[in-house]
Amino acid sequence: MTDPASIDPAEKPANLSNPRRAFIKKTGKKLVRKIAGFQSAQSKVPDTPKLDNAHFPWLSEFTDNWEAIRKEAQAVLAFRDDIPAFHELSPDQYRLSTAKNWKTYILYGFGQRMETNTQLTPVTADILSRVPHIQTAMFSILAPGYHIPAHKGVTKGILRSHLGLIIPKDREQCRIRVDDTITAWKEGEIFVFDDTYEHEVWNETDEERVILLFDFDRPMKLPGRVLNKTFLQIMKFTAFYQDPKKNLASAEEKMEAAIRQADANIEAMSDPADT
């Protein structure tokens, strides 16, 4: 299994070497560091690597319905070959996602529900619609033996949640480190963390791991909310937003075709004229 940390720089997608893109990325990182302190001061919840679920009482709807959500994830896995790898949607993630080792089935992208993909996940999509200020949601599918190297998220204005759905039997070997806290996923359990703290993932088992991953706005005071909204709006004018947006549209078209074909196959098998 390839460790992303060992990727040859020559494998970097050519469009990511654009000098203008590199300048925007470098400038953006400086801006993010400058505003992080303000976002922390504006936060209504602790600025810690992991956060207590008690701060988000609406999470209980996920744990109450996790088996229904898992059933929908299993339905999605029937289209495994049509689910894109993370870096196929977001090319900037090429160091974290290699080959088909980390697949992502997107349900919400940039605050918008993916209408085609959620055809297969009505229960999950309905629950996600009640997450306050949801940004992104996906079924995150990690291959056996894969390691996602240490990295940090973009902004403190967003928090991330993981709900365990399909977890290897040896679950202690399938885990995430956020700062100095290590958590092994468990089916039906959910937790929230701040992905601007360094984090990495291991699946040191011979089984696949599937979770529901979703991002939502950090609860903040009014000035913090205004800054967060402005920052996210600015991001929409960059390639870091535009590239994934285009790739998401293409992935949805491919999935829609796969769903139509599957429906046609089922209809053909059930047609009395064919028996």
Protein backbone atom coordinates (compact mmCIF):
# COMPACT_ATOMS: atom_id res chain seq x y z
CA MET A 1 0.00 0.00 0.00
CA THR A 2 1.34 3.40 -0.99
CA ASP A 3 1.93 5.89 1.78
CA PRO A 4 1.01 9.39 0.50
CA ALA A 5 4.05 10.80 2.30
CA SER A 6 6.25 8.90 -0.16
CA ILE A 7 4.63 10.31 -3.31
CA ASP A 8 7.07 11.49 -5.94
CA PRO A 9 6.65 15.27 -6.47
CA ALA A 10 6.52 14.48 -10.18
CA GLU A 11 3.09 12.96 -9.57
CA LYS A 12 1.72 16.33 -8.53
CA PRO A 13 -1.08 17.34 -10.95
CA ALA A 14 0.29 19.82 -13.47
CA ASN A 15 -2.43 22.41 -12.87
CA LEU A 16 -1.41 22.68 -9.20
CA SER A 17 2.03 24.00 -10.20
CA ASN A 18 0.54 27.18 -11.65
CA PRO A 19 2.48 30.15 -10.10
CA ARG A 20 -0.71 32.17 -9.58
CA ARG A 21 -2.37 29.27 -7.79
CA ALA A 22 0.72 28.74 -5.62
CA PHE A 23 0.75 32.46 -4.70
CA ILE A 24 -2.95 32.41 -3.74
CA LYS A 25 -2.41 29.30 -1.64
CA LYS A 26 0.58 30.79 0.17
CA THR A 27 -1.23 34.09 0.78
CA GLY A 28 -4.35 32.26 1.90
CA LYS A 29 -2.43 30.28 4.51
CA LYS A 30 -1.02 33.51 5.98
CA LEU A 31 -4.52 35.01 6.13
CA VAL A 32 -5.93 31.90 7.80
CA ARG A 33 -3.25 32.02 10.51
CA LYS A 34 -3.97 35.70 11.20
CA ILE A 35 -7.71 35.28 11.64
CA ALA A 36 -7.57 31.99 13.59
CA GLY A 37 -6.99 33.77 16.90
CA PHE A 38 -9.99 36.03 16.33
CA GLN A 39 -12.18 33.04 15.44
CA SER A 40 -11.07 31.29 18.64
CA ALA A 41 -11.98 34.33 20.72
CA GLN A 42 -15.38 34.51 19.02
CA SER A 43 -16.17 30.84 19.51
CA LYS A 44 -19.13 29.86 21.70
CA VAL A 45 -17.64 26.38 22.19
CA PRO A 46 -14.17 25.43 23.45
CA ASP A 47 -11.18 25.78 21.12
CA THR A 48 -9.98 22.24 21.77
CA PRO A 49 -8.99 19.40 19.41
CA LYS A 50 -12.09 17.37 20.33
CA LEU A 51 -15.33 18.84 21.61
CA ASP A 52 -17.91 17.38 23.95
CA ASN A 53 -21.07 16.23 22.16
CA ALA A 54 -23.09 18.05 24.84
CA HIS A 55 -22.38 21.30 22.96
CA PHE A 56 -24.35 19.94 19.99
CA PRO A 57 -27.57 18.32 21.25
CA TRP A 58 -28.83 17.80 17.70
CA LEU A 59 -26.16 15.09 17.21
CA SER A 60 -28.49 12.64 18.96
CA GLU A 61 -30.57 12.37 15.78
CA PHE A 62 -27.58 10.74 14.10
CA THR A 63 -26.96 8.19 16.85
CA ASP A 64 -30.69 7.46 17.13
CA ASN A 65 -30.84 6.67 13.40
CA TRP A 66 -27.35 5.35 12.71
CA GLU A 67 -28.51 1.93 11.52
CA ALA A 68 -30.77 3.52 8.89
CA ILE A 69 -27.85 5.71 7.81
CA ARG A 70 -25.60 2.63 7.60
CA LYS A 71 -28.18 0.85 5.46
CA GLU A 72 -28.09 3.75 3.00
CA ALA A 73 -24.28 3.70 3.02
CA GLN A 74 -24.43 0.01 2.13
CA ALA A 75 -26.74 0.83 -0.78
CA VAL A 76 -24.21 3.41 -1.97
CA LEU A 77 -21.43 0.82 -1.86
CA ALA A 78 -23.27 -1.13 -4.56
CA PHE A 79 -22.00 1.63 -6.89
CA ARG A 80 -18.46 1.33 -5.57
CA ASP A 81 -16.80 1.55 -8.99
CA ASP A 82 -18.53 4.86 -9.68
CA ILE A 83 -17.57 6.54 -6.39
CA PRO A 84 -14.65 8.95 -6.94
CA ALA A 85 -11.47 9.07 -4.90
CA PHE A 86 -11.07 12.21 -2.80
CA HIS A 87 -8.30 13.65 -4.98
CA GLU A 88 -10.42 13.13 -8.10
CA LEU A 89 -12.85 15.67 -6.67
CA SER A 90 -10.33 17.94 -4.93
CA PRO A 91 -6.96 17.77 -6.75
CA ASP A 92 -5.19 19.65 -3.94
CA GLN A 93 -5.61 16.52 -1.78
CA TYR A 94 -3.24 14.45 -3.94
CA ARG A 95 -0.83 13.96 -1.01
CA LEU A 96 -3.58 12.55 1.21
CA SER A 97 -5.51 10.47 -1.29
CA THR A 98 -3.86 8.05 -3.71
CA ALA A 99 -5.27 5.63 -6.28
CA LYS A 100 -8.70 4.46 -5.04
CA ASN A 101 -7.72 4.18 -1.39
CA TRP A 102 -9.94 6.96 -0.05
CA LYS A 103 -13.30 7.29 -1.77
CA THR A 104 -15.87 9.97 -0.99
CA TYR A 105 -19.57 9.90 -1.80
CA ILE A 106 -20.66 13.52 -1.45
CA LEU A 107 -24.08 14.34 -0.02
CA TYR A 108 -23.55 18.06 0.61
CA GLY A 109 -20.95 20.22 -1.09
CA PHE A 110 -20.28 23.85 -0.15
CA GLY A 111 -23.58 24.07 1.69
CA GLN A 112 -25.63 22.65 -1.20
CA ARG A 113 -27.42 19.30 -1.19
CA MET A 114 -26.31 16.99 -4.01
CA GLU A 115 -29.70 16.05 -5.41
CA THR A 116 -28.55 13.11 -7.53
CA ASN A 117 -26.39 11.47 -4.90
CA THR A 118 -29.00 11.86 -2.18
CA GLN A 119 -31.51 9.86 -4.22
CA LEU A 120 -29.92 6.85 -2.55
CA THR A 121 -29.79 8.42 0.93
CA PRO A 122 -33.13 10.10 1.77
CA VAL A 123 -32.95 9.42 5.52
CA THR A 124 -29.35 10.61 5.83
CA ALA A 125 -29.99 13.70 3.72
CA ASP A 126 -33.07 14.60 5.76
CA ILE A 127 -31.13 14.43 9.03
CA LEU A 128 -28.22 16.39 7.54
CA SER A 129 -30.65 19.12 6.44
CA ARG A 130 -31.18 19.94 10.11
CA VAL A 131 -27.50 20.38 10.93
CA PRO A 132 -27.01 24.09 11.70
CA HIS A 133 -25.13 25.73 8.82
CA ILE A 134 -23.91 22.52 7.22
CA GLN A 135 -21.09 22.92 4.71
CA THR A 136 -20.01 19.47 3.51
CA ALA A 137 -21.17 15.89 4.08
CA MET A 138 -19.99 12.60 2.66
CA PHE A 139 -19.63 8.90 3.17
CA SER A 140 -15.88 8.53 3.66
CA ILE A 141 -14.68 5.11 2.53
CA LEU A 142 -11.16 4.09 3.56
CA ALA A 143 -9.43 1.07 2.05
CA PRO A 144 -7.81 -1.65 4.17
CA GLY A 145 -4.23 -0.89 5.18
CA TYR A 146 -4.36 2.79 4.21
CA HIS A 147 -2.77 5.66 6.13
CA ILE A 148 -3.76 9.30 5.67
CA PRO A 149 -0.72 11.33 6.78
CA ALA A 150 -0.75 14.18 9.27
CA HIS A 151 -2.39 17.35 7.93
CA LYS A 152 -4.44 20.35 9.02
CA GLY A 153 -7.75 21.83 7.89
CA VAL A 154 -8.26 25.29 6.45
CA THR A 155 -10.29 27.32 8.92
CA LYS A 156 -11.35 27.39 12.57
CA GLY A 157 -14.71 28.65 11.38
CA ILE A 158 -15.76 25.06 10.64
CA LEU A 159 -16.00 21.95 12.84
CA ARG A 160 -16.07 18.33 11.69
CA SER A 161 -18.06 15.34 12.87
CA HIS A 162 -17.59 11.60 12.29
CA LEU A 163 -20.29 8.93 12.70
CA GLY A 164 -19.07 5.32 12.65
CA LEU A 165 -21.05 3.14 10.22
CA ILE A 166 -19.01 0.18 8.97
CA ILE A 167 -15.99 -0.37 11.19
CA PRO A 168 -13.45 -3.23 11.07
CA LYS A 169 -13.78 -5.89 13.77
CA ASP A 170 -10.33 -4.99 15.10
CA ARG A 171 -11.47 -1.41 15.56
CA GLU A 172 -8.56 -0.35 17.77
CA GLN A 173 -6.39 -0.63 14.67
CA CYS A 174 -8.70 1.75 12.77
CA ARG A 175 -8.30 5.15 14.35
CA ILE A 176 -7.76 8.89 14.05
CA ARG A 177 -5.32 11.11 15.92
CA VAL A 178 -6.34 14.72 16.50
CA ASP A 179 -3.47 16.60 18.16
CA ASP A 180 -2.48 14.16 20.94
CA THR A 181 -5.88 12.44 21.25
CA ILE A 182 -6.43 9.10 19.52
CA THR A 183 -9.94 7.79 18.88
CA ALA A 184 -10.94 4.44 17.42
CA TRP A 185 -14.21 4.63 15.50
CA LYS A 186 -17.15 2.62 16.78
CA GLU A 187 -20.35 1.82 14.93
CA GLY A 188 -23.15 4.14 16.00
CA GLU A 189 -20.88 6.56 17.86
CA ILE A 190 -20.30 10.18 16.82
CA PHE A 191 -17.73 12.80 17.79
CA VAL A 192 -16.77 16.35 16.84
CA PHE A 193 -13.30 17.79 16.35
CA ASP A 194 -11.48 20.87 15.08
CA ASP A 195 -9.59 19.79 11.99
CA THR A 196 -7.22 22.78 12.10
CA TYR A 197 -5.36 20.75 14.72
CA GLU A 198 -2.96 18.28 13.16
CA HIS A 199 -4.69 14.96 12.53
CA GLU A 200 -4.00 11.68 10.75
CA VAL A 201 -5.78 8.40 10.11
CA TRP A 202 -4.81 4.73 10.10
CA ASN A 203 -6.75 1.69 8.94
CA GLU A 204 -4.31 -1.04 9.90
CA THR A 205 -6.82 -3.82 9.22
CA ASP A 206 -7.81 -5.93 6.23
CA GLU A 207 -11.33 -4.49 6.22
CA GLU A 208 -12.89 -1.36 4.78
CA ARG A 209 -13.94 1.53 7.03
CA VAL A 210 -17.01 3.66 6.25
CA ILE A 211 -18.11 6.73 8.22
CA LEU A 212 -20.43 9.66 7.71
CA LEU A 213 -18.27 12.81 7.75
CA PHE A 214 -19.80 16.26 7.82
CA ASP A 215 -18.64 19.83 8.42
CA PHE A 216 -20.66 22.67 9.92
CA ASP A 217 -20.05 26.25 10.99
CA ARG A 218 -18.49 26.70 14.41
CA PRO A 219 -20.96 28.42 16.75
CA MET A 220 -19.61 31.96 17.10
CA LYS A 221 -20.61 35.43 18.19
CA LEU A 222 -21.90 37.79 15.52
CA PRO A 223 -18.51 39.33 14.48
CA GLY A 224 -17.06 35.82 14.13
CA ARG A 225 -20.01 34.67 12.03
CA VAL A 226 -19.67 37.67 9.72
CA LEU A 227 -15.94 37.02 9.27
CA ASN A 228 -16.54 33.32 8.65
CA LYS A 229 -19.19 34.03 6.02
CA THR A 230 -16.94 36.55 4.30
CA PHE A 231 -13.99 34.16 4.30
CA LEU A 232 -16.06 31.35 2.77
CA GLN A 233 -17.42 33.72 0.12
CA ILE A 234 -13.89 34.76 -0.86
CA MET A 235 -12.90 31.09 -1.10
CA LYS A 236 -15.62 30.55 -3.71
CA PHE A 237 -13.69 32.71 -6.17
CA THR A 238 -10.58 30.53 -5.98
CA ALA A 239 -9.58 27.31 -7.73
CA PHE A 240 -9.78 25.54 -4.36
CA TYR A 241 -13.56 25.94 -4.65
CA GLN A 242 -14.06 26.04 -8.42
CA ASP A 243 -12.17 22.82 -9.23
CA PRO A 244 -14.06 20.61 -6.76
CA LYS A 245 -17.34 22.24 -7.80
CA LYS A 246 -16.79 21.25 -11.44
CA ASN A 247 -15.59 17.79 -10.48
CA LEU A 248 -18.60 17.27 -8.22
CA ALA A 249 -20.93 18.04 -11.12
CA SER A 250 -19.14 15.50 -13.31
CA ALA A 251 -19.21 12.87 -10.56
CA GLU A 252 -22.95 13.40 -10.05
CA GLU A 253 -23.56 12.95 -13.78
CA LYS A 254 -21.64 9.67 -13.70
CA MET A 255 -23.55 8.48 -10.65
CA GLU A 256 -26.89 9.45 -12.20
CA ALA A 257 -26.04 7.34 -15.26
CA ALA A 258 -25.06 4.42 -13.02
CA ILE A 259 -28.34 4.66 -11.06
CA ARG A 260 -30.37 4.79 -14.30
CA GLN A 261 -28.55 1.73 -15.62
CA ALA A 262 -29.12 -0.18 -12.37
CA ASP A 263 -32.83 0.71 -12.45
CA ALA A 264 -33.05 -0.42 -16.10
CA ASN A 265 -31.37 -3.72 -15.24
CA ILE A 266 -33.81 -4.36 -12.41
CA GLU A 267 -36.77 -3.46 -14.64
CA ALA A 268 -35.53 -5.81 -17.37
CA MET A 269 -35.14 -8.70 -14.89
CA SER A 270 -38.67 -8.16 -13.55
CA ASP A 271 -40.37 -7.79 -16.95
CA PRO A 272 -42.67 -10.82 -17.48
CA ALA A 273 -42.09 -10.57 -21.23
CA ASP A 274 -38.48 -11.55 -20.66
CA THR A 275 -39.29 -14.71 -18.69
